[in-house]
Amino acid sequence: MAKSAKQRSTGKSATSSRKRLNSKKTATAPIGLRSGTKQSAAIEMLRCRDGASIETLTKATGWQQHSVRGFLAGVVRKRLQLDLESTVVDGIRTYRIKAGRAAGSMKPEPTAQKF
């Protein structure tokens, strides 16, 4: 007995082709920021010499406190691999992106050579 047209399989599933497309997209996509977004505004605030507190980031972006903390850990530290330091000044914790190398970069810093 032959299978009906509905039961026949072509061997390719729609989900496997979607997974392949998504994996290619993420593998070659450069990590960058668009200007004018909440993320870019928050990163600009973090790059300032004084940094930014969670309260100032929540006011600037409209995010809740837990979302700002997730942004700092997930986007700034993990995805963008930026060095984020936190300090407590007058009882207020401020976060700042260190100038210089990104965290996790494997290139050694150049050293001065003596001749």
PDB file of N, CA and C in Angstrom:
ATOM      1  N   MET A   1       0.831  -1.168   0.000  1.00  0.00           N
ATOM      2  CA  MET A   1       0.000   0.000   0.000  1.00  0.00           C
ATOM      3  C   MET A   1       0.885   1.244   0.000  1.00  0.00           C
ATOM      4  N   ALA A   2       0.634   2.201  -0.872  1.00  0.00           N
ATOM      5  CA  ALA A   2       1.450   3.406  -1.014  1.00  0.00           C
ATOM      6  C   ALA A   2       0.994   4.472  -0.022  1.00  0.00           C
ATOM      7  N   LYS A   3       1.943   5.291   0.384  1.00  0.00           N
ATOM      8  CA  LYS A   3       1.618   6.382   1.294  1.00  0.00           C
ATOM      9  C   LYS A   3       0.913   7.492   0.537  1.00  0.00           C
ATOM     10  N   SER A   4       0.053   8.173   1.211  1.00  0.00           N
ATOM     11  CA  SER A   4      -0.616   9.309   0.569  1.00  0.00           C
ATOM     12  C   SER A   4       0.348  10.488   0.493  1.00  0.00           C
ATOM     13  N   ALA A   5      -0.014  11.508  -0.269  1.00  0.00           N
ATOM     14  CA  ALA A   5       0.858  12.663  -0.474  1.00  0.00           C
ATOM     15  C   ALA A   5       1.160  13.391   0.823  1.00  0.00           C
ATOM     16  N   LYS A   6       0.203  13.405   1.759  1.00  0.00           N
ATOM     17  CA  LYS A   6       0.413  14.099   3.019  1.00  0.00           C
ATOM     18  C   LYS A   6       1.429  13.373   3.898  1.00  0.00           C
ATOM     19  N   GLN A   7       1.501  12.085   3.817  1.00  0.00           N
ATOM     20  CA  GLN A   7       2.370  11.316   4.689  1.00  0.00           C
ATOM     21  C   GLN A   7       3.781  11.189   4.141  1.00  0.00           C
ATOM     22  N   ARG A   8       4.000  11.489   2.898  1.00  0.00           N
ATOM     23  CA  ARG A   8       5.337  11.369   2.323  1.00  0.00           C
ATOM     24  C   ARG A   8       6.249  12.446   2.870  1.00  0.00           C
ATOM     25  N   SER A   9       7.463  12.073   3.070  1.00  0.00           N
ATOM     26  CA  SER A   9       8.452  13.011   3.593  1.00  0.00           C
ATOM     27  C   SER A   9       9.513  13.249   2.535  1.00  0.00           C
ATOM     28  N   THR A  10       9.932  14.490   2.400  1.00  0.00           N
ATOM     29  CA  THR A  10      10.972  14.804   1.425  1.00  0.00           C
ATOM     30  C   THR A  10      12.359  14.602   2.014  1.00  0.00           C
ATOM     31  N   GLY A  11      12.427  14.350   3.331  1.00  0.00           N
ATOM     32  CA  GLY A  11      13.726  14.145   3.945  1.00  0.00           C
ATOM     33  C   GLY A  11      14.273  15.413   4.588  1.00  0.00           C
ATOM     34  N   LYS A  12      13.736  16.559   4.238  1.00  0.00           N
ATOM     35  CA  LYS A  12      14.190  17.821   4.815  1.00  0.00           C
ATOM     36  C   LYS A  12      13.076  18.375   5.681  1.00  0.00           C
ATOM     37  N   SER A  13      13.438  18.758   6.866  1.00  0.00           N
ATOM     38  CA  SER A  13      12.426  19.357   7.729  1.00  0.00           C
ATOM     39  C   SER A  13      12.623  20.865   7.751  1.00  0.00           C
ATOM     40  N   ALA A  14      11.552  21.570   7.992  1.00  0.00           N
ATOM     41  CA  ALA A  14      11.612  23.029   8.000  1.00  0.00           C
ATOM     42  C   ALA A  14      12.443  23.543   9.170  1.00  0.00           C
ATOM     43  N   THR A  15      12.417  22.843  10.292  1.00  0.00           N
ATOM     44  CA  THR A  15      13.168  23.324  11.454  1.00  0.00           C
ATOM     45  C   THR A  15      14.662  23.177  11.255  1.00  0.00           C
ATOM     46  N   SER A  16      15.104  22.121  10.604  1.00  0.00           N
ATOM     47  CA  SER A  16      16.546  21.960  10.413  1.00  0.00           C
ATOM     48  C   SER A  16      17.095  23.016   9.466  1.00  0.00           C
ATOM     49  N   SER A  17      16.340  23.398   8.459  1.00  0.00           N
ATOM     50  CA  SER A  17      16.831  24.443   7.557  1.00  0.00           C
ATOM     51  C   SER A  17      16.833  25.795   8.251  1.00  0.00           C
ATOM     52  N   ARG A  18      15.858  26.032   9.155  1.00  0.00           N
ATOM     53  CA  ARG A  18      15.856  27.284   9.917  1.00  0.00           C
ATOM     54  C   ARG A  18      17.047  27.347  10.858  1.00  0.00           C
ATOM     55  N   LYS A  19      17.363  26.238  11.498  1.00  0.00           N
ATOM     56  CA  LYS A  19      18.504  26.208  12.406  1.00  0.00           C
ATOM     57  C   LYS A  19      19.795  26.491  11.659  1.00  0.00           C
ATOM     58  N   ARG A  20      19.926  25.922  10.461  1.00  0.00           N
ATOM     59  CA  ARG A  20      21.119  26.163   9.661  1.00  0.00           C
ATOM     60  C   ARG A  20      21.238  27.627   9.294  1.00  0.00           C
ATOM     61  N   LEU A  21      20.146  28.251   8.891  1.00  0.00           N
ATOM     62  CA  LEU A  21      20.176  29.660   8.529  1.00  0.00           C
ATOM     63  C   LEU A  21      20.521  30.523   9.730  1.00  0.00           C
ATOM     64  N   ASN A  22      19.930  30.223  10.881  1.00  0.00           N
ATOM     65  CA  ASN A  22      20.209  31.009  12.067  1.00  0.00           C
ATOM     66  C   ASN A  22      21.643  30.847  12.527  1.00  0.00           C
ATOM     67  N   SER A  23      22.202  29.653  12.436  1.00  0.00           N
ATOM     68  CA  SER A  23      23.577  29.452  12.869  1.00  0.00           C
ATOM     69  C   SER A  23      24.544  30.178  11.953  1.00  0.00           C
ATOM     70  N   LYS A  24      24.253  30.219  10.656  1.00  0.00           N
ATOM     71  CA  LYS A  24      25.112  30.961   9.741  1.00  0.00           C
ATOM     72  C   LYS A  24      25.033  32.450  10.020  1.00  0.00           C
ATOM     73  N   LYS A  25      23.849  32.920  10.332  1.00  0.00           N
ATOM     74  CA  LYS A  25      23.650  34.343  10.570  1.00  0.00           C
ATOM     75  C   LYS A  25      24.423  34.793  11.804  1.00  0.00           C
ATOM     76  N   THR A  26      24.381  34.010  12.880  1.00  0.00           N
ATOM     77  CA  THR A  26      25.050  34.414  14.104  1.00  0.00           C
ATOM     78  C   THR A  26      26.554  34.213  14.018  1.00  0.00           C
ATOM     79  N   ALA A  27      27.003  33.272  13.223  1.00  0.00           N
ATOM     80  CA  ALA A  27      28.427  33.005  13.139  1.00  0.00           C
ATOM     81  C   ALA A  27      29.166  34.125  12.409  1.00  0.00           C
ATOM     82  N   THR A  28      28.532  34.758  11.454  1.00  0.00           N
ATOM     83  CA  THR A  28      29.219  35.778  10.662  1.00  0.00           C
ATOM     84  C   THR A  28      28.802  37.194  11.016  1.00  0.00           C
ATOM     85  N   ALA A  29      27.821  37.350  11.885  1.00  0.00           N
ATOM     86  CA  ALA A  29      27.333  38.687  12.210  1.00  0.00           C
ATOM     87  C   ALA A  29      28.339  39.413  13.098  1.00  0.00           C
ATOM     88  N   PRO A  30      28.769  40.611  12.715  1.00  0.00           N
ATOM     89  CA  PRO A  30      29.702  41.353  13.559  1.00  0.00           C
ATOM     90  C   PRO A  30      28.977  41.931  14.767  1.00  0.00           C
ATOM     91  N   ILE A  31      29.695  42.039  15.859  1.00  0.00           N
ATOM     92  CA  ILE A  31      29.108  42.632  17.057  1.00  0.00           C
ATOM     93  C   ILE A  31      29.316  44.134  16.959  1.00  0.00           C
ATOM     94  N   GLY A  32      28.228  44.869  16.910  1.00  0.00           N
ATOM     95  CA  GLY A  32      28.318  46.313  16.807  1.00  0.00           C
ATOM     96  C   GLY A  32      27.114  46.960  17.438  1.00  0.00           C
ATOM     97  N   LEU A  33      27.213  48.237  17.647  1.00  0.00           N
ATOM     98  CA  LEU A  33      26.111  48.974  18.240  1.00  0.00           C
ATOM     99  C   LEU A  33      25.589  49.988  17.247  1.00  0.00           C
ATOM    100  N   ARG A  34      24.286  50.123  17.229  1.00  0.00           N
ATOM    101  CA  ARG A  34      23.666  51.157  16.413  1.00  0.00           C
ATOM    102  C   ARG A  34      23.599  52.421  17.245  1.00  0.00           C
ATOM    103  N   SER A  35      23.745  53.542  16.632  1.00  0.00           N
ATOM    104  CA  SER A  35      23.652  54.791  17.369  1.00  0.00           C
ATOM    105  C   SER A  35      22.181  55.140  17.582  1.00  0.00           C
ATOM    106  N   GLY A  36      21.922  55.857  18.667  1.00  0.00           N
ATOM    107  CA  GLY A  36      20.566  56.287  18.952  1.00  0.00           C
ATOM    108  C   GLY A  36      19.717  55.266  19.667  1.00  0.00           C
ATOM    109  N   THR A  37      20.296  54.164  20.135  1.00  0.00           N
ATOM    110  CA  THR A  37      19.541  53.149  20.849  1.00  0.00           C
ATOM    111  C   THR A  37      19.763  53.299  22.349  1.00  0.00           C
ATOM    112  N   LYS A  38      18.942  52.632  23.123  1.00  0.00           N
ATOM    113  CA  LYS A  38      19.098  52.669  24.571  1.00  0.00           C
ATOM    114  C   LYS A  38      20.422  52.038  24.990  1.00  0.00           C
ATOM    115  N   GLN A  39      20.802  50.972  24.306  1.00  0.00           N
ATOM    116  CA  GLN A  39      22.069  50.317  24.630  1.00  0.00           C
ATOM    117  C   GLN A  39      23.247  51.234  24.363  1.00  0.00           C
ATOM    118  N   SER A  40      23.239  51.925  23.242  1.00  0.00           N
ATOM    119  CA  SER A  40      24.348  52.819  22.938  1.00  0.00           C
ATOM    120  C   SER A  40      24.399  53.980  23.918  1.00  0.00           C
ATOM    121  N   ALA A  41      23.239  54.466  24.354  1.00  0.00           N
ATOM    122  CA  ALA A  41      23.207  55.547  25.343  1.00  0.00           C
ATOM    123  C   ALA A  41      23.772  55.058  26.679  1.00  0.00           C
ATOM    124  N   ALA A  42      23.419  53.848  27.075  1.00  0.00           N
ATOM    125  CA  ALA A  42      23.921  53.297  28.327  1.00  0.00           C
ATOM    126  C   ALA A  42      25.423  53.078  28.264  1.00  0.00           C
ATOM    127  N   ILE A  43      25.921  52.601  27.140  1.00  0.00           N
ATOM    128  CA  ILE A  43      27.361  52.375  27.005  1.00  0.00           C
ATOM    129  C   ILE A  43      28.118  53.692  27.007  1.00  0.00           C
ATOM    130  N   GLU A  44      27.556  54.732  26.387  1.00  0.00           N
ATOM    131  CA  GLU A  44      28.184  56.049  26.445  1.00  0.00           C
ATOM    132  C   GLU A  44      28.282  56.542  27.879  1.00  0.00           C
ATOM    133  N   MET A  45      27.222  56.324  28.663  1.00  0.00           N
ATOM    134  CA  MET A  45      27.239  56.730  30.066  1.00  0.00           C
ATOM    135  C   MET A  45      28.292  55.946  30.848  1.00  0.00           C
ATOM    136  N   LEU A  46      28.447  54.673  30.523  1.00  0.00           N
ATOM    137  CA  LEU A  46      29.429  53.842  31.214  1.00  0.00           C
ATOM    138  C   LEU A  46      30.857  54.192  30.817  1.00  0.00           C
ATOM    139  N   ARG A  47      31.052  54.764  29.646  1.00  0.00           N
ATOM    140  CA  ARG A  47      32.389  55.138  29.201  1.00  0.00           C
ATOM    141  C   ARG A  47      32.874  56.462  29.807  1.00  0.00           C
ATOM    142  N   CYS A  48      31.983  57.220  30.420  1.00  0.00           N
ATOM    143  CA  CYS A  48      32.375  58.474  31.065  1.00  0.00           C
ATOM    144  C   CYS A  48      33.363  58.197  32.197  1.00  0.00           C
ATOM    145  N   ARG A  49      34.135  59.201  32.534  1.00  0.00           N
ATOM    146  CA  ARG A  49      35.160  59.055  33.561  1.00  0.00           C
ATOM    147  C   ARG A  49      34.550  58.673  34.910  1.00  0.00           C
ATOM    148  N   ASP A  50      33.389  59.246  35.239  1.00  0.00           N
ATOM    149  CA  ASP A  50      32.742  58.964  36.518  1.00  0.00           C
ATOM    150  C   ASP A  50      31.867  57.723  36.472  1.00  0.00           C
ATOM    151  N   GLY A  51      31.541  57.224  35.309  1.00  0.00           N
ATOM    152  CA  GLY A  51      30.696  56.054  35.185  1.00  0.00           C
ATOM    153  C   GLY A  51      29.233  56.392  35.413  1.00  0.00           C
ATOM    154  N   ALA A  52      28.445  55.380  35.736  1.00  0.00           N
ATOM    155  CA  ALA A  52      27.017  55.571  35.945  1.00  0.00           C
ATOM    156  C   ALA A  52      26.519  54.582  36.987  1.00  0.00           C
ATOM    157  N   SER A  53      25.540  55.007  37.765  1.00  0.00           N
ATOM    158  CA  SER A  53      24.928  54.112  38.746  1.00  0.00           C
ATOM    159  C   SER A  53      23.742  53.413  38.089  1.00  0.00           C
ATOM    160  N   ILE A  54      23.233  52.402  38.766  1.00  0.00           N
ATOM    161  CA  ILE A  54      22.068  51.691  38.236  1.00  0.00           C
ATOM    162  C   ILE A  54      20.883  52.641  38.152  1.00  0.00           C
ATOM    163  N   GLU A  55      20.771  53.534  39.125  1.00  0.00           N
ATOM    164  CA  GLU A  55      19.654  54.488  39.125  1.00  0.00           C
ATOM    165  C   GLU A  55      19.704  55.417  37.910  1.00  0.00           C
ATOM    166  N   THR A  56      20.890  55.916  37.579  1.00  0.00           N
ATOM    167  CA  THR A  56      20.975  56.802  36.413  1.00  0.00           C
ATOM    168  C   THR A  56      20.734  56.039  35.116  1.00  0.00           C
ATOM    169  N   LEU A  57      21.173  54.780  35.073  1.00  0.00           N
ATOM    170  CA  LEU A  57      20.928  53.969  33.875  1.00  0.00           C
ATOM    171  C   LEU A  57      19.445  53.650  33.716  1.00  0.00           C
ATOM    172  N   THR A  58      18.741  53.413  34.830  1.00  0.00           N
ATOM    173  CA  THR A  58      17.308  53.138  34.729  1.00  0.00           C
ATOM    174  C   THR A  58      16.544  54.367  34.257  1.00  0.00           C
ATOM    175  N   LYS A  59      16.945  55.545  34.719  1.00  0.00           N
ATOM    176  CA  LYS A  59      16.273  56.774  34.287  1.00  0.00           C
ATOM    177  C   LYS A  59      16.549  57.072  32.813  1.00  0.00           C
ATOM    178  N   ALA A  60      17.775  56.821  32.381  1.00  0.00           N
ATOM    179  CA  ALA A  60      18.145  57.138  30.999  1.00  0.00           C
ATOM    180  C   ALA A  60      17.514  56.184  29.995  1.00  0.00           C
ATOM    181  N   THR A  61      17.377  54.911  30.373  1.00  0.00           N
ATOM    182  CA  THR A  61      16.893  53.910  29.422  1.00  0.00           C
ATOM    183  C   THR A  61      15.427  53.556  29.604  1.00  0.00           C
ATOM    184  N   GLY A  62      14.894  53.759  30.803  1.00  0.00           N
ATOM    185  CA  GLY A  62      13.520  53.350  31.072  1.00  0.00           C
ATOM    186  C   GLY A  62      13.413  51.887  31.456  1.00  0.00           C
ATOM    187  N   TRP A  63      14.559  51.221  31.631  1.00  0.00           N
ATOM    188  CA  TRP A  63      14.567  49.824  32.038  1.00  0.00           C
ATOM    189  C   TRP A  63      14.398  49.716  33.542  1.00  0.00           C
ATOM    190  N   GLN A  64      14.019  48.535  34.004  1.00  0.00           N
ATOM    191  CA  GLN A  64      13.968  48.269  35.434  1.00  0.00           C
ATOM    192  C   GLN A  64      15.358  47.883  35.926  1.00  0.00           C
ATOM    193  N   GLN A  65      15.538  47.909  37.256  1.00  0.00           N
ATOM    194  CA  GLN A  65      16.863  47.643  37.821  1.00  0.00           C
ATOM    195  C   GLN A  65      17.404  46.276  37.423  1.00  0.00           C
ATOM    196  N   HIS A  66      16.572  45.257  37.445  1.00  0.00           N
ATOM    197  CA  HIS A  66      17.059  43.924  37.102  1.00  0.00           C
ATOM    198  C   HIS A  66      17.436  43.834  35.621  1.00  0.00           C
ATOM    199  N   SER A  67      16.787  44.629  34.795  1.00  0.00           N
ATOM    200  CA  SER A  67      17.142  44.635  33.372  1.00  0.00           C
ATOM    201  C   SER A  67      18.488  45.318  33.147  1.00  0.00           C
ATOM    202  N   VAL A  68      18.759  46.367  33.924  1.00  0.00           N
ATOM    203  CA  VAL A  68      20.059  47.041  33.819  1.00  0.00           C
ATOM    204  C   VAL A  68      21.163  46.097  34.267  1.00  0.00           C
ATOM    205  N   ARG A  69      20.934  45.377  35.352  1.00  0.00           N
ATOM    206  CA  ARG A  69      21.946  44.419  35.823  1.00  0.00           C
ATOM    207  C   ARG A  69      22.182  43.315  34.786  1.00  0.00           C
ATOM    208  N   GLY A  70      21.125  42.849  34.173  1.00  0.00           N
ATOM    209  CA  GLY A  70      21.263  41.843  33.125  1.00  0.00           C
ATOM    210  C   GLY A  70      22.005  42.383  31.918  1.00  0.00           C
ATOM    211  N   PHE A  71      21.756  43.637  31.575  1.00  0.00           N
ATOM    212  CA  PHE A  71      22.464  44.282  30.474  1.00  0.00           C
ATOM    213  C   PHE A  71      23.953  44.370  30.781  1.00  0.00           C
ATOM    214  N   LEU A  72      24.292  44.750  32.013  1.00  0.00           N
ATOM    215  CA  LEU A  72      25.700  44.876  32.384  1.00  0.00           C
ATOM    216  C   LEU A  72      26.416  43.534  32.311  1.00  0.00           C
ATOM    217  N   ALA A  73      25.768  42.490  32.806  1.00  0.00           N
ATOM    218  CA  ALA A  73      26.405  41.176  32.814  1.00  0.00           C
ATOM    219  C   ALA A  73      26.368  40.503  31.449  1.00  0.00           C
ATOM    220  N   GLY A  74      25.223  40.530  30.804  1.00  0.00           N
ATOM    221  CA  GLY A  74      25.056  39.780  29.565  1.00  0.00           C
ATOM    222  C   GLY A  74      25.591  40.462  28.333  1.00  0.00           C
ATOM    223  N   VAL A  75      25.337  41.754  28.210  1.00  0.00           N
ATOM    224  CA  VAL A  75      25.747  42.460  27.001  1.00  0.00           C
ATOM    225  C   VAL A  75      27.131  43.061  27.150  1.00  0.00           C
ATOM    226  N   VAL A  76      27.315  43.857  28.187  1.00  0.00           N
ATOM    227  CA  VAL A  76      28.582  44.580  28.324  1.00  0.00           C
ATOM    228  C   VAL A  76      29.731  43.624  28.588  1.00  0.00           C
ATOM    229  N   ARG A  77      29.551  42.734  29.565  1.00  0.00           N
ATOM    230  CA  ARG A  77      30.662  41.842  29.916  1.00  0.00           C
ATOM    231  C   ARG A  77      30.803  40.659  28.970  1.00  0.00           C
ATOM    232  N   LYS A  78      29.701  39.974  28.683  1.00  0.00           N
ATOM    233  CA  LYS A  78      29.814  38.726  27.915  1.00  0.00           C
ATOM    234  C   LYS A  78      29.832  38.951  26.410  1.00  0.00           C
ATOM    235  N   ARG A  79      28.846  39.656  25.877  1.00  0.00           N
ATOM    236  CA  ARG A  79      28.743  39.782  24.421  1.00  0.00           C
ATOM    237  C   ARG A  79      29.782  40.740  23.860  1.00  0.00           C
ATOM    238  N   LEU A  80      29.906  41.926  24.469  1.00  0.00           N
ATOM    239  CA  LEU A  80      30.859  42.911  23.965  1.00  0.00           C
ATOM    240  C   LEU A  80      32.250  42.725  24.549  1.00  0.00           C
ATOM    241  N   GLN A  81      32.369  41.940  25.594  1.00  0.00           N
ATOM    242  CA  GLN A  81      33.629  41.628  26.255  1.00  0.00           C
ATOM    243  C   GLN A  81      34.389  42.889  26.646  1.00  0.00           C
ATOM    244  N   LEU A  82      33.690  43.809  27.299  1.00  0.00           N
ATOM    245  CA  LEU A  82      34.307  45.030  27.783  1.00  0.00           C
ATOM    246  C   LEU A  82      34.639  44.878  29.258  1.00  0.00           C
ATOM    247  N   ASP A  83      35.721  45.519  29.686  1.00  0.00           N
ATOM    248  CA  ASP A  83      36.121  45.495  31.093  1.00  0.00           C
ATOM    249  C   ASP A  83      35.224  46.438  31.872  1.00  0.00           C
ATOM    250  N   LEU A  84      34.411  45.905  32.741  1.00  0.00           N
ATOM    251  CA  LEU A  84      33.486  46.699  33.532  1.00  0.00           C
ATOM    252  C   LEU A  84      33.955  46.667  34.972  1.00  0.00           C
ATOM    253  N   GLU A  85      34.172  47.837  35.551  1.00  0.00           N
ATOM    254  CA  GLU A  85      34.578  47.891  36.951  1.00  0.00           C
ATOM    255  C   GLU A  85      33.505  48.607  37.749  1.00  0.00           C
ATOM    256  N   SER A  86      33.356  48.210  38.990  1.00  0.00           N
ATOM    257  CA  SER A  86      32.376  48.856  39.850  1.00  0.00           C
ATOM    258  C   SER A  86      33.076  49.373  41.090  1.00  0.00           C
ATOM    259  N   THR A  87      32.668  50.547  41.533  1.00  0.00           N
ATOM    260  CA  THR A  87      33.202  51.158  42.737  1.00  0.00           C
ATOM    261  C   THR A  87      32.054  51.725  43.549  1.00  0.00           C
ATOM    262  N   VAL A  88      32.279  51.824  44.852  1.00  0.00           N
ATOM    263  CA  VAL A  88      31.283  52.409  45.738  1.00  0.00           C
ATOM    264  C   VAL A  88      31.821  53.748  46.221  1.00  0.00           C
ATOM    265  N   VAL A  89      31.085  54.813  45.898  1.00  0.00           N
ATOM    266  CA  VAL A  89      31.458  56.156  46.320  1.00  0.00           C
ATOM    267  C   VAL A  89      30.280  56.739  47.079  1.00  0.00           C
ATOM    268  N   ASP A  90      30.510  57.102  48.347  1.00  0.00           N
ATOM    269  CA  ASP A  90      29.468  57.663  49.211  1.00  0.00           C
ATOM    270  C   ASP A  90      28.236  56.756  49.285  1.00  0.00           C
ATOM    271  N   GLY A  91      28.445  55.454  49.309  1.00  0.00           N
ATOM    272  CA  GLY A  91      27.349  54.503  49.439  1.00  0.00           C
ATOM    273  C   GLY A  91      26.607  54.209  48.146  1.00  0.00           C
ATOM    274  N   ILE A  92      27.048  54.772  47.034  1.00  0.00           N
ATOM    275  CA  ILE A  92      26.396  54.540  45.732  1.00  0.00           C
ATOM    276  C   ILE A  92      27.365  53.777  44.837  1.00  0.00           C
ATOM    277  N   ARG A  93      26.924  52.630  44.356  1.00  0.00           N
ATOM    278  CA  ARG A  93      27.755  51.828  43.459  1.00  0.00           C
ATOM    279  C   ARG A  93      27.666  52.385  42.049  1.00  0.00           C
ATOM    280  N   THR A  94      28.821  52.636  41.464  1.00  0.00           N
ATOM    281  CA  THR A  94      28.869  53.127  40.084  1.00  0.00           C
ATOM    282  C   THR A  94      29.642  52.134  39.237  1.00  0.00           C
ATOM    283  N   TYR A  95      29.248  52.025  38.004  1.00  0.00           N
ATOM    284  CA  TYR A  95      29.870  51.121  37.039  1.00  0.00           C
ATOM    285  C   TYR A  95      30.532  51.953  35.956  1.00  0.00           C
ATOM    286  N   ARG A  96      31.674  51.463  35.474  1.00  0.00           N
ATOM    287  CA  ARG A  96      32.420  52.196  34.465  1.00  0.00           C
ATOM    288  C   ARG A  96      33.149  51.203  33.571  1.00  0.00           C
ATOM    289  N   ILE A  97      33.197  51.509  32.292  1.00  0.00           N
ATOM    290  CA  ILE A  97      33.962  50.691  31.359  1.00  0.00           C
ATOM    291  C   ILE A  97      35.380  51.222  31.367  1.00  0.00           C
ATOM    292  N   LYS A  98      36.319  50.338  31.663  1.00  0.00           N
ATOM    293  CA  LYS A  98      37.723  50.731  31.697  1.00  0.00           C
ATOM    294  C   LYS A  98      38.194  51.067  30.292  1.00  0.00           C
ATOM    295  N   ALA A  99      39.007  52.082  30.185  1.00  0.00           N
ATOM    296  CA  ALA A  99      39.607  52.422  28.893  1.00  0.00           C
ATOM    297  C   ALA A  99      40.723  51.422  28.611  1.00  0.00           C
ATOM    298  N   GLY A 100      40.963  51.163  27.360  1.00  0.00           N
ATOM    299  CA  GLY A 100      42.042  50.242  27.000  1.00  0.00           C
ATOM    300  C   GLY A 100      41.497  48.950  26.446  1.00  0.00           C
ATOM    301  N   ARG A 101      42.184  47.849  26.808  1.00  0.00           N
ATOM    302  CA  ARG A 101      41.845  46.541  26.266  1.00  0.00           C
ATOM    303  C   ARG A 101      40.493  46.051  26.737  1.00  0.00           C
ATOM    304  N   ALA A 102      39.870  45.237  25.908  1.00  0.00           N
ATOM    305  CA  ALA A 102      38.625  44.567  26.293  1.00  0.00           C
ATOM    306  C   ALA A 102      38.970  43.358  27.128  1.00  0.00           C
ATOM    307  N   ALA A 103      38.082  42.989  28.014  1.00  0.00           N
ATOM    308  CA  ALA A 103      38.298  41.799  28.832  1.00  0.00           C
ATOM    309  C   ALA A 103      38.284  40.578  27.942  1.00  0.00           C
ATOM    310  N   GLY A 104      39.153  39.652  28.233  1.00  0.00           N
ATOM    311  CA  GLY A 104      39.151  38.399  27.499  1.00  0.00           C
ATOM    312  C   GLY A 104      39.939  38.443  26.199  1.00  0.00           C
ATOM    313  N   SER A 105      40.504  39.592  25.850  1.00  0.00           N
ATOM    314  CA  SER A 105      41.290  39.597  24.623  1.00  0.00           C
ATOM    315  C   SER A 105      42.604  38.898  24.909  1.00  0.00           C
ATOM    316  N   MET A 106      43.033  38.077  24.013  1.00  0.00           N
ATOM    317  CA  MET A 106      44.184  37.228  24.250  1.00  0.00           C
ATOM    318  C   MET A 106      45.490  37.866  23.808  1.00  0.00           C
ATOM    319  N   LYS A 107      45.457  39.031  23.220  1.00  0.00           N
ATOM    320  CA  LYS A 107      46.681  39.668  22.777  1.00  0.00           C
ATOM    321  C   LYS A 107      47.397  40.286  23.966  1.00  0.00           C
ATOM    322  N   PRO A 108      48.684  40.022  24.126  1.00  0.00           N
ATOM    323  CA  PRO A 108      49.409  40.629  25.240  1.00  0.00           C
ATOM    324  C   PRO A 108      49.630  42.125  24.977  1.00  0.00           C
ATOM    325  N   GLU A 109      49.692  42.870  26.054  1.00  0.00           N
ATOM    326  CA  GLU A 109      49.938  44.296  25.898  1.00  0.00           C
ATOM    327  C   GLU A 109      51.386  44.500  25.454  1.00  0.00           C
ATOM    328  N   PRO A 110      51.627  45.478  24.599  1.00  0.00           N
ATOM    329  CA  PRO A 110      52.998  45.720  24.160  1.00  0.00           C
ATOM    330  C   PRO A 110      53.829  46.218  25.336  1.00  0.00           C
ATOM    331  N   THR A 111      55.068  45.729  25.419  1.00  0.00           N
ATOM    332  CA  THR A 111      55.960  46.163  26.481  1.00  0.00           C
ATOM    333  C   THR A 111      57.065  47.015  25.891  1.00  0.00           C
ATOM    334  N   ALA A 112      57.546  47.907  26.701  1.00  0.00           N
ATOM    335  CA  ALA A 112      58.621  48.783  26.242  1.00  0.00           C
ATOM    336  C   ALA A 112      59.903  47.966  26.153  1.00  0.00           C
ATOM    337  N   GLN A 113      60.623  48.130  25.061  1.00  0.00           N
ATOM    338  CA  GLN A 113      61.880  47.418  24.884  1.00  0.00           C
ATOM    339  C   GLN A 113      63.028  48.359  25.175  1.00  0.00           C
ATOM    340  N   LYS A 114      64.023  47.838  25.885  1.00  0.00           N
ATOM    341  CA  LYS A 114      65.208  48.625  26.199  1.00  0.00           C
ATOM    342  C   LYS A 114      66.297  48.293  25.204  1.00  0.00           C
ATOM    343  N   PHE A 115      66.926  49.300  24.664  1.00  0.00           N
ATOM    344  CA  PHE A 115      68.006  49.091  23.705  1.00  0.00           C
ATOM    345  C   PHE A 115      69.305  49.584  24.266  1.00  0.00           C
TER     346      PHE A 115
END
